[in-house]
Protein backbone atom coordinates (compact mmCIF):
# COMPACT_ATOMS: atom_id res chain seq x y z
CA MET A 1 0.00 0.00 0.00
CA THR A 2 1.44 3.34 -1.01
CA ASN A 3 0.60 6.67 0.51
CA ALA A 4 -1.17 9.13 -1.77
CA PRO A 5 1.06 12.04 -2.75
CA THR A 6 0.48 15.28 -0.93
CA PRO A 7 -1.53 17.63 -3.17
CA ARG A 8 0.64 20.33 -4.67
CA THR A 9 -0.26 23.86 -3.64
CA LYS A 10 0.82 26.66 -5.92
CA HIS A 11 0.29 29.52 -3.48
CA ALA A 12 0.49 29.92 0.28
CA ASP A 13 -2.86 29.63 2.05
CA LEU A 14 -3.01 33.14 3.50
CA ALA A 15 -5.87 34.67 5.45
CA ARG A 16 -6.91 37.84 3.63
CA PRO A 17 -8.06 41.13 5.12
CA ASP A 18 -11.83 41.52 4.97
CA LEU A 19 -11.91 44.48 2.60
CA GLY A 20 -14.56 45.85 0.31
CA GLU A 21 -13.81 47.69 -2.92
CA PHE A 22 -11.97 50.52 -1.19
CA ALA A 23 -11.67 49.82 2.54
CA ARG A 24 -12.73 47.65 5.46
CA HIS A 25 -15.67 49.98 6.19
CA GLU A 26 -17.33 51.60 3.17
CA LEU A 27 -20.77 52.97 2.34
CA ALA A 28 -21.96 53.80 -1.17
CA PHE A 29 -24.65 56.49 -1.43
CA LEU A 30 -26.82 56.23 -4.55
CA GLY A 31 -30.24 57.22 -5.78
CA ALA A 32 -29.91 61.01 -5.88
CA PRO A 33 -28.13 63.46 -8.19
CA CYS A 34 -24.37 63.46 -7.71
CA GLY A 35 -24.39 66.99 -6.33
CA GLU A 36 -26.71 65.91 -3.51
CA ILE A 37 -24.47 62.94 -2.72
CA GLN A 38 -21.38 65.16 -2.61
CA GLN A 39 -23.08 67.63 -0.27
CA LEU A 40 -24.34 64.85 2.01
CA ALA A 41 -20.85 63.30 2.14
CA ALA A 42 -19.37 66.67 3.09
CA ARG A 43 -21.93 67.23 5.86
CA LEU A 44 -21.44 63.72 7.19
CA THR A 45 -17.67 64.11 7.18
CA ALA A 46 -17.97 67.37 9.12
CA ALA A 47 -20.13 65.58 11.71
CA LEU A 48 -17.86 62.52 12.01
CA ALA A 49 -14.40 64.11 11.96
CA PRO A 50 -14.64 65.70 15.45
CA ALA A 51 -15.26 62.21 16.86
CA GLY A 52 -11.88 61.08 15.51
CA HIS A 53 -13.03 59.33 12.35
CA ARG A 54 -10.75 59.44 9.31
CA VAL A 55 -13.23 59.70 6.43
CA GLY A 56 -12.35 59.22 2.77
CA TYR A 57 -14.54 60.04 -0.22
CA VAL A 58 -14.58 58.47 -3.69
CA ASP A 59 -16.22 60.13 -6.68
CA ALA A 60 -15.79 60.77 -10.39
CA ASP A 61 -14.92 64.22 -11.77
CA HIS A 62 -17.76 65.29 -14.01
CA ALA A 63 -15.75 68.24 -15.34
CA SER A 64 -12.97 66.13 -16.85
CA GLY A 65 -14.23 63.80 -19.53
CA ASP A 66 -12.18 62.42 -22.39
CA ALA A 67 -12.59 65.57 -24.49
CA ASP A 68 -10.83 67.90 -22.08
CA ALA A 69 -8.58 65.47 -20.21
CA GLU A 70 -5.43 66.96 -21.70
CA GLN A 71 -6.50 70.46 -20.72
CA THR A 72 -6.90 69.46 -17.06
CA MET A 73 -3.87 67.16 -16.90
CA SER A 74 -0.65 68.77 -15.65
CA ALA A 75 2.25 69.33 -18.03
CA LEU A 76 4.33 66.76 -16.13
CA LEU A 77 1.75 64.01 -16.56
CA GLN A 78 1.34 64.92 -20.21
CA ALA A 79 5.12 64.67 -20.57
CA GLY A 80 5.02 61.09 -19.30
CA ALA A 81 5.47 61.36 -15.51
CA ALA A 82 3.94 58.41 -13.67
CA VAL A 83 2.97 60.42 -10.60
CA GLU A 84 3.08 64.02 -9.44
CA VAL A 85 3.04 64.92 -5.74
CA THR A 86 2.40 68.54 -4.80
CA ASP A 87 2.69 70.04 -1.33
CA LYS A 88 -0.14 72.57 -1.27
CA ILE A 89 1.11 73.76 2.16
CA HIS A 90 -2.21 73.06 3.91
CA PHE A 91 -2.80 69.74 2.16
CA ARG A 92 -1.01 67.38 -0.19
CA ARG A 93 -2.16 66.32 -3.66
CA ARG A 94 -1.17 63.25 -5.66
CA ASP A 95 -2.00 62.90 -9.35
CA GLU A 96 -1.17 59.75 -11.27
CA LEU A 97 -2.10 57.92 -14.43
CA ARG A 98 -2.49 54.35 -13.19
CA ALA A 99 -5.99 52.92 -13.30
CA LEU A 100 -8.07 52.29 -10.20
CA ASP A 101 -8.49 48.61 -9.39
CA ARG A 102 -9.20 46.38 -6.41
CA PHE A 103 -5.49 46.30 -5.51
CA SER A 104 -4.66 50.01 -5.78
CA GLN A 105 -7.91 51.37 -4.30
CA PRO A 106 -7.36 50.12 -0.71
CA GLU A 107 -3.81 51.49 -0.83
CA LEU A 108 -5.04 54.97 -1.77
CA LEU A 109 -7.57 54.95 1.10
CA ALA A 110 -5.28 53.31 3.69
CA GLY A 111 -5.33 56.34 6.00
CA THR A 112 -9.10 56.15 6.55
CA ASN A 113 -11.35 54.12 8.80
CA LEU A 114 -14.48 54.93 6.77
CA VAL A 115 -14.89 55.52 3.04
CA LEU A 116 -17.98 57.21 1.58
CA VAL A 117 -18.55 56.41 -2.09
CA ASN A 118 -20.64 58.03 -4.80
CA GLY A 119 -22.54 54.88 -5.71
CA ASN A 120 -23.79 56.41 -8.93
CA HIS A 121 -20.28 55.79 -10.29
CA PHE A 122 -18.62 53.14 -8.11
CA ARG A 123 -19.62 50.01 -6.27
CA ALA A 124 -19.05 49.44 -2.56
CA ARG A 125 -19.77 46.50 -0.29
CA HIS A 126 -22.52 48.29 1.68
CA GLN A 127 -25.02 50.82 0.43
CA VAL A 128 -27.23 53.65 1.69
CA VAL A 129 -30.17 54.27 -0.66
CA LEU A 130 -31.31 57.84 -1.26
CA ILE A 131 -34.95 58.10 -2.35
CA ASP A 132 -35.17 61.10 -4.67
CA PRO A 133 -37.74 61.44 -7.49
CA ARG A 134 -35.05 62.97 -9.72
CA LYS A 135 -32.99 59.76 -9.83
CA SER A 136 -34.40 56.29 -10.40
CA LEU A 137 -32.61 53.15 -9.29
CA ALA A 138 -34.70 50.83 -11.40
CA HIS A 139 -31.74 50.04 -13.67
CA LYS A 140 -29.16 49.87 -10.83
CA LEU A 141 -30.70 47.21 -8.63
CA ASP A 142 -27.63 45.01 -9.09
CA LYS A 143 -25.67 47.61 -7.10
CA LEU A 144 -27.97 47.17 -4.08
CA ALA A 145 -26.29 44.06 -2.73
CA ASP A 146 -26.27 44.94 0.99
CA VAL A 147 -28.39 47.99 1.79
CA GLN A 148 -27.81 49.29 5.31
CA ALA A 149 -30.09 52.35 5.53
CA ILE A 150 -32.53 54.53 3.58
CA VAL A 151 -32.50 58.33 3.28
CA PHE A 152 -35.55 60.26 2.02
CA ALA A 153 -35.27 63.53 0.12
CA ALA A 154 -37.53 66.41 1.18
CA GLY A 155 -41.19 65.65 0.51
CA VAL A 156 -40.64 61.90 0.08
CA ALA A 157 -41.78 59.32 2.64
CA GLU A 158 -42.26 56.03 0.77
CA LEU A 159 -40.11 53.65 -1.25
CA PRO A 160 -41.08 53.13 -4.89
CA ASP A 161 -42.81 49.82 -5.53
CA TYR A 162 -39.83 48.38 -7.38
CA LEU A 163 -37.54 49.03 -4.38
CA GLN A 164 -40.06 47.55 -1.96
CA ALA A 165 -40.02 44.39 -4.07
CA HIS A 166 -36.21 44.36 -4.32
CA LEU A 167 -35.70 45.04 -0.61
CA PRO A 168 -38.10 42.69 1.20
CA HIS A 169 -36.47 43.62 4.53
CA HIS A 170 -36.89 47.38 3.97
CA ALA A 171 -39.24 47.74 6.95
CA GLN A 172 -36.38 46.78 9.29
CA LEU A 173 -33.85 49.21 7.78
CA PRO A 174 -33.11 52.50 9.60
CA LYS A 175 -34.59 55.49 7.80
CA PHE A 176 -33.59 59.15 7.85
CA ALA A 177 -34.60 62.44 6.28
CA LEU A 178 -31.92 63.96 4.08
CA ALA A 179 -31.83 67.01 6.35
CA ASP A 180 -31.22 64.87 9.47
CA VAL A 181 -27.43 64.75 9.14
CA ALA A 182 -26.96 64.48 12.92
CA GLY A 183 -29.18 61.41 13.09
CA LEU A 184 -27.49 59.81 10.10
CA ALA A 185 -24.03 60.55 11.55
CA ALA A 186 -25.03 58.99 14.89
CA TRP A 187 -26.19 55.87 13.04
CA VAL A 188 -22.92 55.69 11.07
CA GLN A 189 -20.97 55.79 14.34
CA GLN A 190 -23.09 52.95 15.75
CA TRP A 191 -22.64 51.05 12.48
CA LEU A 192 -18.86 51.38 12.77
CA GLN A 193 -18.92 50.40 16.44
CA SER A 194 -20.85 47.22 15.62
CA ARG A 195 -18.12 46.32 13.12
CA GLN A 196 -15.22 46.94 15.46
CA ALA A 197 -12.55 44.27 15.08
CA PRO A 198 -12.52 41.61 17.82
CA LEU A 199 -9.65 41.86 20.29
CA ARG A 200 -7.17 38.99 20.57
CA GLY A 201 -4.25 38.77 22.96
CA LEU A 202 -0.62 38.00 22.12
CA VAL A 203 2.12 37.28 24.66
CA LEU A 204 5.49 38.17 23.14
CA ALA A 205 7.69 35.31 24.36
CA GLY A 206 9.80 34.31 21.36
CA GLY A 207 12.88 36.39 22.01
CA LEU A 208 16.37 35.05 22.62
CA SER A 209 16.71 36.81 26.02
CA GLN A 210 20.39 37.49 25.36
CA ARG A 211 20.79 40.08 28.11
CA MET A 212 19.00 37.91 30.69
CA GLN A 213 21.01 34.81 29.60
CA THR A 214 17.94 32.66 30.18
CA ASP A 215 14.42 32.55 28.72
CA LYS A 216 12.54 35.52 30.21
CA GLY A 217 9.18 33.90 29.50
CA ARG A 218 10.04 30.98 31.82
CA LEU A 219 11.03 33.11 34.80
CA ARG A 220 8.85 32.96 37.90
CA TYR A 221 8.14 35.94 40.12
CA GLY A 222 5.94 36.05 43.18
CA PRO A 223 4.53 33.29 45.39
CA ASP A 224 2.22 31.51 42.89
CA GLY A 225 5.14 29.97 40.95
CA ARG A 226 3.72 30.51 37.46
CA GLU A 227 5.97 31.26 34.51
CA GLN A 228 5.85 34.82 33.17
CA ARG A 229 4.27 33.71 29.90
CA GLU A 230 1.48 32.06 31.91
CA VAL A 231 1.00 35.21 33.99
CA ALA A 232 0.90 37.43 30.91
CA ALA A 233 -1.57 35.12 29.15
CA ALA A 234 -3.87 35.14 32.19
CA LEU A 235 -3.80 38.95 32.29
CA LEU A 236 -4.68 39.18 28.60
CA ALA A 237 -7.51 36.69 29.08
CA GLU A 238 -9.17 39.27 31.33
CA VAL A 239 -9.76 41.61 28.34
CA CYS A 240 -9.36 39.54 25.14
CA GLN A 241 -11.60 36.94 23.51
CA ASP A 242 -8.67 34.53 23.23
CA VAL A 243 -4.93 34.55 23.83
CA PHE A 244 -1.92 33.21 21.94
CA VAL A 245 1.74 32.98 22.91
CA SER A 246 4.13 34.23 20.26
CA CYS A 247 7.10 31.89 20.21
CA ARG A 248 9.76 30.29 18.07
CA ALA A 249 8.85 27.00 16.44
CA ASP A 250 11.20 25.12 18.82
CA GLN A 251 9.42 26.61 21.85
CA ALA A 252 5.88 25.61 20.91
CA ALA A 253 6.00 22.03 22.20
CA GLU A 254 7.25 22.99 25.67
CA LEU A 255 4.68 25.66 26.49
CA PRO A 256 2.80 25.04 29.75
CA ALA A 257 -0.54 23.29 29.39
CA GLY A 258 -3.40 25.56 28.39
CA LEU A 259 -1.34 28.05 26.41
CA GLN A 260 -1.94 28.38 22.65
CA PRO A 261 1.30 28.72 20.69
CA LEU A 262 1.54 30.98 17.65
CA ALA A 263 4.87 30.21 16.05
CA ASP A 264 6.70 33.05 14.30
CA THR A 265 6.44 33.08 10.51
CA PHE A 266 8.39 36.34 10.18
CA LEU A 267 11.85 35.32 11.41
CA GLY A 268 14.82 37.29 12.69
CA LEU A 269 12.81 40.48 13.33
CA GLY A 270 12.48 40.49 17.12
CA PRO A 271 9.10 41.62 18.51
CA LEU A 272 8.01 42.85 15.07
CA GLY A 273 8.17 39.25 13.82
CA GLY A 274 5.71 38.13 16.48
CA ILE A 275 3.33 41.01 15.82
CA LEU A 276 3.37 40.45 12.06
CA SER A 277 2.91 36.70 12.54
CA ALA A 278 -0.21 37.37 14.61
CA LEU A 279 -1.65 39.77 12.03
CA ARG A 280 -0.88 37.22 9.32
CA HIS A 281 -2.69 34.56 11.36
CA ASP A 282 -5.78 36.78 11.67
CA PRO A 283 -5.62 40.07 9.72
CA ASN A 284 -9.21 40.87 10.70
CA ALA A 285 -8.62 41.03 14.45
CA ALA A 286 -7.06 43.70 16.60
CA TRP A 287 -4.16 42.32 18.64
CA LEU A 288 -3.28 43.44 22.15
CA VAL A 289 0.39 42.52 22.46
CA LEU A 290 2.07 42.19 25.83
CA ALA A 291 5.76 41.48 26.41
CA CYS A 292 6.56 38.64 28.81
CA ASP A 293 9.14 40.71 30.74
CA LEU A 294 6.68 42.96 32.59
CA PRO A 295 6.20 41.24 35.97
CA PHE A 296 4.59 44.35 37.54
CA MET A 297 1.80 44.48 34.93
CA THR A 298 -1.79 44.38 36.22
CA ALA A 299 -5.18 43.54 34.72
CA ASP A 300 -6.39 47.04 35.63
CA THR A 301 -3.69 48.53 33.41
CA LEU A 302 -4.84 46.39 30.49
CA ARG A 303 -8.44 47.43 31.14
CA GLN A 304 -7.28 51.05 31.05
CA LEU A 305 -5.67 50.44 27.65
CA VAL A 306 -8.79 48.73 26.27
CA ALA A 307 -11.02 51.50 27.64
CA GLY A 308 -8.88 54.05 25.78
CA ARG A 309 -8.84 52.05 22.55
CA GLN A 310 -9.48 54.11 19.41
CA PRO A 311 -10.34 51.70 16.56
CA SER A 312 -10.24 54.60 14.09
CA ARG A 313 -6.47 54.84 14.66
CA LEU A 314 -3.81 52.33 13.61
CA ALA A 315 -2.98 51.51 17.23
CA THR A 316 -3.54 52.50 20.84
CA ALA A 317 -0.52 52.59 23.16
CA PHE A 318 0.70 54.03 26.43
CA GLN A 319 3.38 56.68 26.51
CA SER A 320 6.63 55.16 27.70
CA PRO A 321 7.88 56.20 31.13
CA GLY A 322 10.40 59.02 30.92
CA SER A 323 9.98 59.68 27.19
CA ASP A 324 7.59 61.17 24.66
CA PHE A 325 7.43 57.92 22.67
CA PRO A 326 4.69 55.26 22.67
CA GLU A 327 5.45 51.92 24.35
CA PRO A 328 5.18 49.31 21.56
CA LEU A 329 5.19 46.12 23.62
CA ILE A 330 1.91 46.76 25.40
CA THR A 331 -0.17 48.06 22.50
CA ILE A 332 -3.40 47.35 20.63
CA PHE A 333 -2.64 47.02 16.92
CA GLU A 334 -5.76 47.43 14.77
CA PRO A 335 -6.12 45.44 11.52
CA ARG A 336 -5.09 48.53 9.51
CA ALA A 337 -1.68 48.40 11.22
CA TYR A 338 -0.73 45.25 9.30
CA PRO A 339 0.05 46.87 5.92
CA GLU A 340 1.62 49.84 7.67
CA LEU A 341 4.03 47.63 9.62
CA LEU A 342 4.86 45.81 6.39
CA ARG A 343 5.49 49.15 4.70
CA PHE A 344 8.00 50.14 7.39
CA LEU A 345 9.62 46.72 7.13
CA GLY A 346 9.95 47.26 3.37
CA LEU A 347 11.74 50.54 4.13
CA GLY A 348 14.23 48.67 6.32
CA TYR A 349 12.80 49.30 9.82
CA SER A 350 12.11 46.38 12.16
CA CYS A 351 11.22 48.48 15.22
CA PRO A 352 7.45 48.63 15.86
CA ARG A 353 7.96 51.85 17.80
CA LYS A 354 9.20 53.51 14.59
CA MET A 355 5.81 52.89 12.99
CA LEU A 356 3.93 54.10 16.07
CA ILE A 357 5.93 57.34 16.27
CA ASN A 358 5.35 58.14 12.60
CA SER A 359 1.73 57.03 12.17
CA ASP A 360 -1.77 57.93 13.25
CA VAL A 361 -1.97 56.30 16.68
CA GLU A 362 -3.66 57.04 19.99
CA VAL A 363 -1.15 57.55 22.83
CA LEU A 364 -2.55 57.30 26.36
CA PRO A 365 -0.86 58.82 29.44
CA THR A 366 1.77 56.69 31.16
CA PRO A 367 0.16 54.55 33.90
CA THR A 368 1.19 55.30 37.44
CA GLY A 369 3.52 53.05 39.38
CA GLU A 370 5.87 50.39 38.04
CA VAL A 371 3.55 48.52 35.68
CA LEU A 372 5.59 49.32 32.55
CA ARG A 373 8.91 48.42 34.17
CA ASN A 374 10.51 45.67 32.10
CA ILE A 375 13.11 43.24 33.41
CA ASN A 376 15.98 42.44 31.04
CA THR A 377 19.11 41.62 33.05
CA PRO A 378 20.02 39.30 35.94
CA ALA A 379 20.46 42.30 38.25
CA GLU A 380 17.01 43.65 37.35
CA ARG A 381 15.60 40.16 37.85
CA ALA A 382 17.07 39.88 41.34
CA ALA A 383 15.62 43.23 42.36
CA ALA A 384 12.18 42.33 40.95
CA GLU A 385 12.17 38.95 42.69
CA GLN A 386 12.85 40.64 46.01
CA GLU A 387 10.08 43.20 45.51
CA LEU A 388 7.49 40.65 44.33
CA SER A 389 8.26 37.80 46.71
């Protein structure tokens, strides 16, 4: 009897980010004249921006058709430049010739946590239908794949018969008047909140512990005798839906019972390798990472971090003691941090703090006491053991 050959796989089986056409969270507005959609998007953005939302908008330029494209295109692009970046002092502008597609669109909108789309021109995963007698949707029903809400223009209160037939669940959908921007903005915020990424925990325990000269994750402080990686995992379990231990492949088999190993798939990168490996494992979760060398850490400190979480940012971190920089090894990394960390890695930086310093992150005040005190050397270990015994 011969064993069947293992099926050949051409590509790695990677989990993919749960993106729509442009972003993780996107809403297409369609059913009204484009000018009305543009004005509504502007009013919504003005209502959402003070709450910390980074809103993007996608539309087509009605003033630049094929006939006058050369008149509106800059001389550099006409000369053959691939891209032109202009610092307009108060904002930056980027013009380029490459076509929009499902690979380039998320890249262009990477700095946003919500994208509003003119659905008259572009598709998006979720839709908000505007009921306006000036614009029929009878020939665009294929674009209404996942309607989330309905907005009525002034003087309109009912859906046309064809929409009632196409949307059998329309009675359960939230409905707003076009003038009720505050109500619509409040609904959008609730809609985003309901789609907040789940929070998973990651104990960073795969380092070589060169300064300590022994595995820091296996050290035991205090009277209960548990290893530090067990203590850290238990703390994370207080605030996360599940917890993994980032480790080298050779460490996985000897983890204490009950701990879930997550072996590094990005090697030789220190803590960044563990963080990237977690985001590769589940790119649709937010990851609260906790280093294993923080024996003074408390569950209350982690609750403080989770309470201050800003999902609209790339990450939420504490300010490091004695510096103006964020502390990267007790941080919540949102799903949008994954491509940003990879971008910094592509530029030659393996320090997660470098990304945090130079990106849109929420930095919370340094907690009081010794909770962020990390233990790296035998002398520091001896002092900590005495204080915690």
